[in-house]
Structures are given as C-alpha cells and as structure tokens.
C-alpha cells in the first residue's frame, strides 16, 4: 500500500536470506507508473489529439516532465507555445495522462 497518493516510494516486506535462514525485511521501493503524453492542437477544421509517448516515471511533477519531454523532442520551443497543460486518468484509471 502506498504511503500517500503522491508518494514516490512504497514500503514493502521482502524475504532476506541470511546464512541458512530466511527473514522478513522491510524495505522502501521507488514507485514507477506509466505516463501518457498527448499533444492537442487546432487543425484547419477541428482539434487534433495525438499520443506522443508513454513513459515510465516516478509519480510527481508530471506536467513539468511532459513539458520538458516535448521541449527536448523539439515539439515545443518554449512555454509560450503552450496554451494549457491538463492532467487526468485514463478511462480505466490505471494510466495517468498529460495533455498539452
């Protein structure tokens, strides 16, 4: 169970082998979850939404991650190219989505 909704770590009990014995050992693991990055823009007649990437990341600062990704891929050249950044879950609630 996660320590909080925005936590990037999770405590977990693992088995540790010490000599001929196996003991329970509490450890802290980094959490990784998928993030879909979408770009929405106005075409001549309608809005177009394109899935640019699905990446694994440690949750938190997703909007900054998406903007940085789009900048390094030369999809945007500055924050002035962006009208809005929206965050939402997929229909199944399993995948976080950032739409720029």
Protein backbone atom coordinates (compact mmCIF):
# COMPACT_ATOMS: atom_id res chain seq x y z
CA UNK A 1 0.00 0.00 0.00
CA UNK A 2 1.32 3.46 -0.89
CA UNK A 3 2.18 5.81 1.93
CA UNK A 4 0.15 8.57 0.24
CA UNK A 5 -1.41 9.34 -3.12
CA UNK A 6 1.52 11.46 -4.22
CA UNK A 7 4.28 9.41 -2.61
CA UNK A 8 7.06 8.25 -4.90
CA UNK A 9 8.09 5.45 -2.53
CA UNK A 10 6.29 2.48 -1.05
CA UNK A 11 7.23 0.33 1.94
CA UNK A 12 7.24 -3.39 1.18
CA UNK A 13 8.13 -6.55 3.07
CA UNK A 14 10.65 -8.77 1.29
CA UNK A 15 12.36 -12.03 2.17
CA UNK A 16 16.04 -11.77 3.07
CA UNK A 17 18.36 -14.78 3.17
CA UNK A 18 20.89 -14.66 5.99
CA UNK A 19 23.04 -17.80 6.15
CA UNK A 20 20.57 -20.69 6.28
CA UNK A 21 17.66 -18.54 7.44
CA UNK A 22 15.01 -16.54 5.64
CA UNK A 23 13.72 -13.47 7.45
CA UNK A 24 11.15 -10.80 6.62
CA UNK A 25 12.80 -7.49 5.87
CA UNK A 26 11.10 -4.12 5.42
CA UNK A 27 12.40 -2.07 2.51
CA UNK A 28 11.42 1.11 0.70
CA UNK A 29 10.97 0.90 -3.09
CA UNK A 30 10.67 3.66 -5.66
CA UNK A 31 7.35 3.62 -7.47
CA UNK A 32 7.16 3.64 -11.25
CA UNK A 33 3.96 4.22 -13.18
CA UNK A 34 3.21 4.88 -16.85
CA UNK A 35 2.52 8.40 -18.07
CA UNK A 36 0.95 9.10 -21.45
CA UNK A 37 1.93 12.43 -23.00
CA UNK A 38 -0.53 13.84 -25.53
CA UNK A 39 -0.45 16.96 -27.66
CA UNK A 40 -3.66 18.70 -28.69
CA UNK A 41 -3.72 21.36 -31.36
CA UNK A 42 -6.14 23.07 -33.70
CA UNK A 43 -6.04 21.89 -37.31
CA UNK A 44 -7.84 23.75 -40.09
CA UNK A 45 -11.24 22.40 -39.12
CA UNK A 46 -11.00 20.53 -35.83
CA UNK A 47 -8.96 19.78 -32.74
CA UNK A 48 -6.37 17.03 -33.19
CA UNK A 49 -5.10 14.99 -30.23
CA UNK A 50 -2.00 12.85 -30.72
CA UNK A 51 -0.37 10.41 -28.32
CA UNK A 52 3.30 11.38 -28.36
CA UNK A 53 4.75 8.98 -25.79
CA UNK A 54 4.09 6.59 -22.95
CA UNK A 55 6.92 6.69 -20.47
CA UNK A 56 7.62 5.12 -17.10
CA UNK A 57 8.30 7.63 -14.37
CA UNK A 58 8.27 8.16 -10.64
CA UNK A 59 4.96 9.96 -9.98
CA UNK A 60 5.11 13.67 -9.23
CA UNK A 61 5.84 16.77 -11.31
CA UNK A 62 4.16 15.13 -14.31
CA UNK A 63 3.32 18.43 -16.00
CA UNK A 64 6.94 19.60 -15.80
CA UNK A 65 8.12 16.22 -17.09
CA UNK A 66 5.75 16.41 -20.07
CA UNK A 67 6.80 19.96 -20.95
CA UNK A 68 10.48 19.08 -20.66
CA UNK A 69 9.98 16.00 -22.82
CA UNK A 70 8.18 17.99 -25.52
CA UNK A 71 10.92 20.64 -25.40
CA UNK A 72 13.79 18.14 -25.75
CA UNK A 73 11.98 16.44 -28.64
CA UNK A 74 11.63 19.85 -30.39
CA UNK A 75 7.84 19.60 -30.36
CA UNK A 76 7.66 22.90 -28.48
CA UNK A 77 10.36 25.57 -28.47
CA UNK A 78 9.24 27.40 -25.33
CA UNK A 79 6.49 27.52 -22.76
CA UNK A 80 4.94 30.27 -24.91
CA UNK A 81 3.92 27.51 -27.37
CA UNK A 82 1.62 26.04 -24.70
CA UNK A 83 -1.94 27.19 -24.04
CA UNK A 84 -2.72 24.66 -21.29
CA UNK A 85 -1.47 21.54 -19.55
CA UNK A 86 -4.14 19.16 -18.27
CA UNK A 87 -3.78 16.03 -16.16
CA UNK A 88 -6.30 13.20 -15.99
CA UNK A 89 -6.60 9.44 -15.63
CA UNK A 90 -7.43 7.01 -18.39
CA UNK A 91 -10.91 5.51 -18.60
CA UNK A 92 -9.63 2.50 -16.65
CA UNK A 93 -7.98 4.75 -14.08
CA UNK A 94 -4.64 2.96 -14.48
CA UNK A 95 -2.69 5.31 -16.72
CA UNK A 96 -2.04 8.96 -15.97
CA UNK A 97 -2.34 11.28 -18.93
CA UNK A 98 -0.91 14.74 -19.51
CA UNK A 99 -2.38 16.66 -22.42
CA UNK A 100 -0.56 19.76 -23.63
